[in-house]
Amino acid sequence: MPGRSRRRYTAFLVSVAAERSRGNGASILVYAVMKPGPEEALEAVRARVDSRAALAIVGSLSARIAKALKLKPDEPHPV
């Protein structure tokens, strides 16, 4: 009996740049999120932040670091 195929998850780093109200530049926050692809990672973070914020994938984390941060699939975690 064949087993279910597992989806591979990658821990993506997503940068969120939000405009400050006083015009002093942008506030930047980085989230780590485990998703199968970069588009899904962007959508997971977009659901948590202001719709006007600029989002970008800025990297990924190793499995060892993702485990140390106790990342869970589909849960964005600020780093």
PDB file of N, CA and C in Angstrom:
ATOM      1  N   MET A   1       0.845  -1.171   0.000  1.00  0.00           N
ATOM      2  CA  MET A   1       0.000   0.000   0.000  1.00  0.00           C
ATOM      3  C   MET A   1       0.897   1.244   0.000  1.00  0.00           C
ATOM      4  N   PRO A   2       0.805   2.042  -1.025  1.00  0.00           N
ATOM      5  CA  PRO A   2       1.669   3.219  -1.107  1.00  0.00           C
ATOM      6  C   PRO A   2       1.270   4.260  -0.062  1.00  0.00           C
ATOM      7  N   GLY A   3       2.268   4.928   0.488  1.00  0.00           N
ATOM      8  CA  GLY A   3       2.018   5.980   1.478  1.00  0.00           C
ATOM      9  C   GLY A   3       1.653   7.289   0.797  1.00  0.00           C
ATOM     10  N   ARG A   4       1.161   8.190   1.599  1.00  0.00           N
ATOM     11  CA  ARG A   4       0.842   9.506   1.067  1.00  0.00           C
ATOM     12  C   ARG A   4       2.126  10.255   0.762  1.00  0.00           C
ATOM     13  N   SER A   5       2.106  11.022  -0.288  1.00  0.00           N
ATOM     14  CA  SER A   5       3.284  11.825  -0.587  1.00  0.00           C
ATOM     15  C   SER A   5       3.264  13.059   0.315  1.00  0.00           C
ATOM     16  N   ARG A   6       4.419  13.351   0.909  1.00  0.00           N
ATOM     17  CA  ARG A   6       4.526  14.505   1.791  1.00  0.00           C
ATOM     18  C   ARG A   6       4.862  15.739   0.987  1.00  0.00           C
ATOM     19  N   ARG A   7       4.259  16.848   1.369  1.00  0.00           N
ATOM     20  CA  ARG A   7       4.629  18.112   0.757  1.00  0.00           C
ATOM     21  C   ARG A   7       5.875  18.622   1.450  1.00  0.00           C
ATOM     22  N   ARG A   8       6.829  19.045   0.686  1.00  0.00           N
ATOM     23  CA  ARG A   8       8.046  19.618   1.262  1.00  0.00           C
ATOM     24  C   ARG A   8       7.808  21.085   1.575  1.00  0.00           C
ATOM     25  N   TYR A   9       8.173  21.468   2.755  1.00  0.00           N
ATOM     26  CA  TYR A   9       8.040  22.849   3.181  1.00  0.00           C
ATOM     27  C   TYR A   9       9.419  23.489   3.262  1.00  0.00           C
ATOM     28  N   THR A  10       9.474  24.770   2.967  1.00  0.00           N
ATOM     29  CA  THR A  10      10.685  25.567   3.082  1.00  0.00           C
ATOM     30  C   THR A  10      10.381  26.719   4.016  1.00  0.00           C
ATOM     31  N   ALA A  11      11.324  27.070   4.855  1.00  0.00           N
ATOM     32  CA  ALA A  11      11.162  28.216   5.753  1.00  0.00           C
ATOM     33  C   ALA A  11      11.639  29.468   5.015  1.00  0.00           C
ATOM     34  N   PHE A  12      10.697  30.264   4.533  1.00  0.00           N
ATOM     35  CA  PHE A  12      11.011  31.485   3.792  1.00  0.00           C
ATOM     36  C   PHE A  12      11.089  32.670   4.728  1.00  0.00           C
ATOM     37  N   LEU A  13      11.947  33.633   4.398  1.00  0.00           N
ATOM     38  CA  LEU A  13      12.009  34.906   5.099  1.00  0.00           C
ATOM     39  C   LEU A  13      11.306  35.933   4.230  1.00  0.00           C
ATOM     40  N   VAL A  14      10.300  36.592   4.806  1.00  0.00           N
ATOM     41  CA  VAL A  14       9.512  37.575   4.064  1.00  0.00           C
ATOM     42  C   VAL A  14       9.688  38.940   4.726  1.00  0.00           C
ATOM     43  N   SER A  15      10.152  39.916   3.953  1.00  0.00           N
ATOM     44  CA  SER A  15      10.340  41.285   4.429  1.00  0.00           C
ATOM     45  C   SER A  15       9.058  42.067   4.216  1.00  0.00           C
ATOM     46  N   VAL A  16       8.666  42.827   5.249  1.00  0.00           N
ATOM     47  CA  VAL A  16       7.469  43.670   5.171  1.00  0.00           C
ATOM     48  C   VAL A  16       7.913  45.106   5.406  1.00  0.00           C
ATOM     49  N   ALA A  17       7.732  45.960   4.413  1.00  0.00           N
ATOM     50  CA  ALA A  17       8.084  47.375   4.524  1.00  0.00           C
ATOM     51  C   ALA A  17       6.798  48.180   4.557  1.00  0.00           C
ATOM     52  N   ALA A  18       6.531  48.799   5.719  1.00  0.00           N
ATOM     53  CA  ALA A  18       5.314  49.604   5.884  1.00  0.00           C
ATOM     54  C   ALA A  18       5.701  51.065   6.016  1.00  0.00           C
ATOM     55  N   GLU A  19       4.930  51.930   5.388  1.00  0.00           N
ATOM     56  CA  GLU A  19       5.161  53.371   5.472  1.00  0.00           C
ATOM     57  C   GLU A  19       4.867  53.866   6.877  1.00  0.00           C
ATOM     58  N   ARG A  20       5.715  54.736   7.395  1.00  0.00           N
ATOM     59  CA  ARG A  20       5.449  55.373   8.684  1.00  0.00           C
ATOM     60  C   ARG A  20       4.527  56.552   8.477  1.00  0.00           C
ATOM     61  N   SER A  21       3.752  56.874   9.493  1.00  0.00           N
ATOM     62  CA  SER A  21       2.753  57.940   9.364  1.00  0.00           C
ATOM     63  C   SER A  21       3.378  59.322   9.230  1.00  0.00           C
ATOM     64  N   ARG A  22       4.553  59.570   9.798  1.00  0.00           N
ATOM     65  CA  ARG A  22       5.170  60.894   9.759  1.00  0.00           C
ATOM     66  C   ARG A  22       6.087  61.087   8.561  1.00  0.00           C
ATOM     67  N   GLY A  23       6.189  60.112   7.711  1.00  0.00           N
ATOM     68  CA  GLY A  23       7.024  60.246   6.522  1.00  0.00           C
ATOM     69  C   GLY A  23       8.515  60.102   6.804  1.00  0.00           C
ATOM     70  N   ASN A  24       8.884  59.460   7.899  1.00  0.00           N
ATOM     71  CA  ASN A  24      10.288  59.273   8.243  1.00  0.00           C
ATOM     72  C   ASN A  24      10.885  58.040   7.577  1.00  0.00           C
ATOM     73  N   GLY A  25      10.315  57.585   6.530  1.00  0.00           N
ATOM     74  CA  GLY A  25      10.824  56.388   5.863  1.00  0.00           C
ATOM     75  C   GLY A  25       9.908  55.200   6.096  1.00  0.00           C
ATOM     76  N   ALA A  26      10.461  54.031   5.912  1.00  0.00           N
ATOM     77  CA  ALA A  26       9.666  52.817   6.042  1.00  0.00           C
ATOM     78  C   ALA A  26      10.125  52.007   7.245  1.00  0.00           C
ATOM     79  N   SER A  27       9.178  51.369   7.900  1.00  0.00           N
ATOM     80  CA  SER A  27       9.462  50.446   8.983  1.00  0.00           C
ATOM     81  C   SER A  27       9.546  49.052   8.377  1.00  0.00           C
ATOM     82  N   ILE A  28      10.619  48.305   8.692  1.00  0.00           N
ATOM     83  CA  ILE A  28      10.818  46.987   8.086  1.00  0.00           C
ATOM     84  C   ILE A  28      10.767  45.910   9.162  1.00  0.00           C
ATOM     85  N   LEU A  29      10.003  44.873   8.879  1.00  0.00           N
ATOM     86  CA  LEU A  29       9.883  43.714   9.758  1.00  0.00           C
ATOM     87  C   LEU A  29      10.068  42.476   8.894  1.00  0.00           C
ATOM     88  N   VAL A  30      10.669  41.435   9.470  1.00  0.00           N
ATOM     89  CA  VAL A  30      10.896  40.198   8.724  1.00  0.00           C
ATOM     90  C   VAL A  30      10.161  39.064   9.424  1.00  0.00           C
ATOM     91  N   TYR A  31       9.432  38.270   8.636  1.00  0.00           N
ATOM     92  CA  TYR A  31       8.718  37.102   9.130  1.00  0.00           C
ATOM     93  C   TYR A  31       9.355  35.849   8.555  1.00  0.00           C
ATOM     94  N   ALA A  32       9.357  34.788   9.347  1.00  0.00           N
ATOM     95  CA  ALA A  32       9.738  33.459   8.863  1.00  0.00           C
ATOM     96  C   ALA A  32       8.454  32.656   8.770  1.00  0.00           C
ATOM     97  N   VAL A  33       8.238  32.000   7.646  1.00  0.00           N
ATOM     98  CA  VAL A  33       7.022  31.206   7.460  1.00  0.00           C
ATOM     99  C   VAL A  33       7.359  29.951   6.662  1.00  0.00           C
ATOM    100  N   MET A  34       6.817  28.820   7.099  1.00  0.00           N
ATOM    101  CA  MET A  34       7.046  27.546   6.407  1.00  0.00           C
ATOM    102  C   MET A  34       5.894  27.283   5.441  1.00  0.00           C
ATOM    103  N   LYS A  35       6.234  27.245   4.177  1.00  0.00           N
ATOM    104  CA  LYS A  35       5.257  26.994   3.114  1.00  0.00           C
ATOM    105  C   LYS A  35       5.931  26.214   2.000  1.00  0.00           C
ATOM    106  N   PRO A  36       5.144  25.561   1.127  1.00  0.00           N
ATOM    107  CA  PRO A  36       5.733  24.807   0.018  1.00  0.00           C
ATOM    108  C   PRO A  36       6.381  25.689  -1.054  1.00  0.00           C
ATOM    109  N   GLY A  37       5.901  26.915  -1.221  1.00  0.00           N
ATOM    110  CA  GLY A  37       6.447  27.783  -2.258  1.00  0.00           C
ATOM    111  C   GLY A  37       6.449  29.239  -1.843  1.00  0.00           C
ATOM    112  N   PRO A  38       7.195  30.074  -2.569  1.00  0.00           N
ATOM    113  CA  PRO A  38       7.296  31.486  -2.197  1.00  0.00           C
ATOM    114  C   PRO A  38       5.979  32.259  -2.316  1.00  0.00           C
ATOM    115  N   GLU A  39       5.145  31.918  -3.284  1.00  0.00           N
ATOM    116  CA  GLU A  39       3.868  32.626  -3.425  1.00  0.00           C
ATOM    117  C   GLU A  39       2.980  32.383  -2.212  1.00  0.00           C
ATOM    118  N   GLU A  40       2.955  31.140  -1.730  1.00  0.00           N
ATOM    119  CA  GLU A  40       2.151  30.812  -0.550  1.00  0.00           C
ATOM    120  C   GLU A  40       2.677  31.532   0.684  1.00  0.00           C
ATOM    121  N   ALA A  41       4.011  31.670   0.780  1.00  0.00           N
ATOM    122  CA  ALA A  41       4.618  32.375   1.911  1.00  0.00           C
ATOM    123  C   ALA A  41       4.212  33.844   1.910  1.00  0.00           C
ATOM    124  N   LEU A  42       4.236  34.466   0.738  1.00  0.00           N
ATOM    125  CA  LEU A  42       3.824  35.867   0.643  1.00  0.00           C
ATOM    126  C   LEU A  42       2.361  36.047   1.039  1.00  0.00           C
ATOM    127  N   GLU A  43       1.507  35.151   0.587  1.00  0.00           N
ATOM    128  CA  GLU A  43       0.080  35.252   0.912  1.00  0.00           C
ATOM    129  C   GLU A  43      -0.184  35.051   2.407  1.00  0.00           C
ATOM    130  N   ALA A  44       0.570  34.160   3.055  1.00  0.00           N
ATOM    131  CA  ALA A  44       0.394  33.919   4.488  1.00  0.00           C
ATOM    132  C   ALA A  44       0.745  35.164   5.294  1.00  0.00           C
ATOM    133  N   VAL A  45       1.802  35.854   4.885  1.00  0.00           N
ATOM    134  CA  VAL A  45       2.206  37.066   5.599  1.00  0.00           C
ATOM    135  C   VAL A  45       1.270  38.222   5.243  1.00  0.00           C
ATOM    136  N   ARG A  46       0.854  38.303   3.988  1.00  0.00           N
ATOM    137  CA  ARG A  46      -0.034  39.390   3.561  1.00  0.00           C
ATOM    138  C   ARG A  46      -1.330  39.399   4.369  1.00  0.00           C
ATOM    139  N   ALA A  47      -1.791  38.224   4.782  1.00  0.00           N
ATOM    140  CA  ALA A  47      -3.020  38.131   5.572  1.00  0.00           C
ATOM    141  C   ALA A  47      -2.843  38.730   6.965  1.00  0.00           C
ATOM    142  N   ARG A  48      -1.602  38.873   7.454  1.00  0.00           N
ATOM    143  CA  ARG A  48      -1.346  39.386   8.805  1.00  0.00           C
ATOM    144  C   ARG A  48      -0.982  40.862   8.844  1.00  0.00           C
ATOM    145  N   VAL A  49      -0.632  41.464   7.711  1.00  0.00           N
ATOM    146  CA  VAL A  49      -0.130  42.840   7.717  1.00  0.00           C
ATOM    147  C   VAL A  49      -1.036  43.755   6.906  1.00  0.00           C
ATOM    148  N   ASP A  50      -0.741  45.043   6.962  1.00  0.00           N
ATOM    149  CA  ASP A  50      -1.485  46.055   6.215  1.00  0.00           C
ATOM    150  C   ASP A  50      -1.397  45.768   4.717  1.00  0.00           C
ATOM    151  N   SER A  51      -2.504  45.931   4.032  1.00  0.00           N
ATOM    152  CA  SER A  51      -2.542  45.620   2.597  1.00  0.00           C
ATOM    153  C   SER A  51      -1.657  46.552   1.773  1.00  0.00           C
ATOM    154  N   ARG A  52      -1.306  47.724   2.315  1.00  0.00           N
ATOM    155  CA  ARG A  52      -0.464  48.670   1.575  1.00  0.00           C
ATOM    156  C   ARG A  52       1.030  48.383   1.739  1.00  0.00           C
ATOM    157  N   ALA A  53       1.390  47.473   2.625  1.00  0.00           N
ATOM    158  CA  ALA A  53       2.796  47.167   2.879  1.00  0.00           C
ATOM    159  C   ALA A  53       3.414  46.438   1.688  1.00  0.00           C
ATOM    160  N   ALA A  54       4.691  46.716   1.453  1.00  0.00           N
ATOM    161  CA  ALA A  54       5.433  46.049   0.373  1.00  0.00           C
ATOM    162  C   ALA A  54       6.066  44.777   0.941  1.00  0.00           C
ATOM    163  N   LEU A  55       5.824  43.643   0.272  1.00  0.00           N
ATOM    164  CA  LEU A  55       6.343  42.355   0.717  1.00  0.00           C
ATOM    165  C   LEU A  55       7.355  41.823  -0.291  1.00  0.00           C
ATOM    166  N   ALA A  56       8.368  41.130   0.228  1.00  0.00           N
ATOM    167  CA  ALA A  56       9.367  40.517  -0.650  1.00  0.00           C
ATOM    168  C   ALA A  56       9.993  39.321   0.048  1.00  0.00           C
ATOM    169  N   ILE A  57      10.276  38.278  -0.729  1.00  0.00           N
ATOM    170  CA  ILE A  57      11.024  37.133  -0.216  1.00  0.00           C
ATOM    171  C   ILE A  57      12.491  37.561  -0.171  1.00  0.00           C
ATOM    172  N   VAL A  58      13.120  37.457   1.001  1.00  0.00           N
ATOM    173  CA  VAL A  58      14.507  37.906   1.138  1.00  0.00           C
ATOM    174  C   VAL A  58      15.470  36.764   1.457  1.00  0.00           C
ATOM    175  N   GLY A  59      14.964  35.554   1.570  1.00  0.00           N
ATOM    176  CA  GLY A  59      15.845  34.430   1.840  1.00  0.00           C
ATOM    177  C   GLY A  59      15.083  33.241   2.384  1.00  0.00           C
ATOM    178  N   SER A  60      15.835  32.293   2.917  1.00  0.00           N
ATOM    179  CA  SER A  60      15.233  31.109   3.518  1.00  0.00           C
ATOM    180  C   SER A  60      16.102  30.673   4.692  1.00  0.00           C
ATOM    181  N   LEU A  61      15.562  29.792   5.505  1.00  0.00           N
ATOM    182  CA  LEU A  61      16.265  29.276   6.665  1.00  0.00           C
ATOM    183  C   LEU A  61      16.546  27.790   6.490  1.00  0.00           C
ATOM    184  N   SER A  62      17.598  27.325   7.119  1.00  0.00           N
ATOM    185  CA  SER A  62      17.891  25.894   7.087  1.00  0.00           C
ATOM    186  C   SER A  62      16.891  25.159   7.967  1.00  0.00           C
ATOM    187  N   ALA A  63      16.785  23.869   7.775  1.00  0.00           N
ATOM    188  CA  ALA A  63      15.881  23.050   8.584  1.00  0.00           C
ATOM    189  C   ALA A  63      16.277  23.108  10.053  1.00  0.00           C
ATOM    190  N   ARG A  64      17.561  23.169  10.323  1.00  0.00           N
ATOM    191  CA  ARG A  64      18.051  23.236  11.706  1.00  0.00           C
ATOM    192  C   ARG A  64      17.587  24.522  12.397  1.00  0.00           C
ATOM    193  N   ILE A  65      17.692  25.654  11.717  1.00  0.00           N
ATOM    194  CA  ILE A  65      17.272  26.926  12.320  1.00  0.00           C
ATOM    195  C   ILE A  65      15.753  26.978  12.443  1.00  0.00           C
ATOM    196  N   ALA A  66      15.035  26.476  11.446  1.00  0.00           N
ATOM    197  CA  ALA A  66      13.570  26.450  11.520  1.00  0.00           C
ATOM    198  C   ALA A  66      13.115  25.625  12.718  1.00  0.00           C
ATOM    199  N   LYS A  67      13.794  24.527  12.970  1.00  0.00           N
ATOM    200  CA  LYS A  67      13.452  23.689  14.119  1.00  0.00           C
ATOM    201  C   LYS A  67      13.779  24.402  15.430  1.00  0.00           C
ATOM    202  N   ALA A  68      14.918  25.096  15.488  1.00  0.00           N
ATOM    203  CA  ALA A  68      15.300  25.834  16.692  1.00  0.00           C
ATOM    204  C   ALA A  68      14.311  26.956  17.004  1.00  0.00           C
ATOM    205  N   LEU A  69      13.751  27.580  15.957  1.00  0.00           N
ATOM    206  CA  LEU A  69      12.742  28.632  16.146  1.00  0.00           C
ATOM    207  C   LEU A  69      11.352  28.060  16.422  1.00  0.00           C
ATOM    208  N   LYS A  70      11.234  26.730  16.330  1.00  0.00           N
ATOM    209  CA  LYS A  70       9.962  26.032  16.527  1.00  0.00           C
ATOM    210  C   LYS A  70       8.895  26.522  15.554  1.00  0.00           C
ATOM    211  N   LEU A  71       9.307  26.690  14.288  1.00  0.00           N
ATOM    212  CA  LEU A  71       8.364  27.109  13.252  1.00  0.00           C
ATOM    213  C   LEU A  71       7.408  25.971  12.939  1.00  0.00           C
ATOM    214  N   LYS A  72       6.162  26.333  12.718  1.00  0.00           N
ATOM    215  CA  LYS A  72       5.149  25.371  12.312  1.00  0.00           C
ATOM    216  C   LYS A  72       4.613  25.788  10.954  1.00  0.00           C
ATOM    217  N   PRO A  73       4.242  24.827  10.119  1.00  0.00           N
ATOM    218  CA  PRO A  73       3.702  25.179   8.802  1.00  0.00           C
ATOM    219  C   PRO A  73       2.501  26.116   8.917  1.00  0.00           C
ATOM    220  N   ASP A  74       2.465  27.076   8.025  1.00  0.00           N
ATOM    221  CA  ASP A  74       1.341  28.010   7.886  1.00  0.00           C
ATOM    222  C   ASP A  74       1.217  29.033   9.011  1.00  0.00           C
ATOM    223  N   GLU A  75       2.216  29.176   9.874  1.00  0.00           N
ATOM    224  CA  GLU A  75       2.172  30.157  10.957  1.00  0.00           C
ATOM    225  C   GLU A  75       3.347  31.132  10.824  1.00  0.00           C
ATOM    226  N   PRO A  76       3.114  32.335  10.287  1.00  0.00           N
ATOM    227  CA  PRO A  76       4.193  33.326  10.194  1.00  0.00           C
ATOM    228  C   PRO A  76       4.702  33.702  11.579  1.00  0.00           C
ATOM    229  N   HIS A  77       6.019  33.819  11.678  1.00  0.00           N
ATOM    230  CA  HIS A  77       6.667  34.107  12.962  1.00  0.00           C
ATOM    231  C   HIS A  77       7.609  35.287  12.769  1.00  0.00           C
ATOM    232  N   PRO A  78       7.419  36.409  13.494  1.00  0.00           N
ATOM    233  CA  PRO A  78       8.354  37.529  13.335  1.00  0.00           C
ATOM    234  C   PRO A  78       9.745  37.157  13.861  1.00  0.00           C
ATOM    235  N   VAL A  79      10.773  37.551  13.128  1.00  0.00           N
ATOM    236  CA  VAL A  79      12.152  37.286  13.567  1.00  0.00           C
ATOM    237  C   VAL A  79      12.929  38.583  13.661  1.00  0.00           C
TER     238      VAL A  79
END
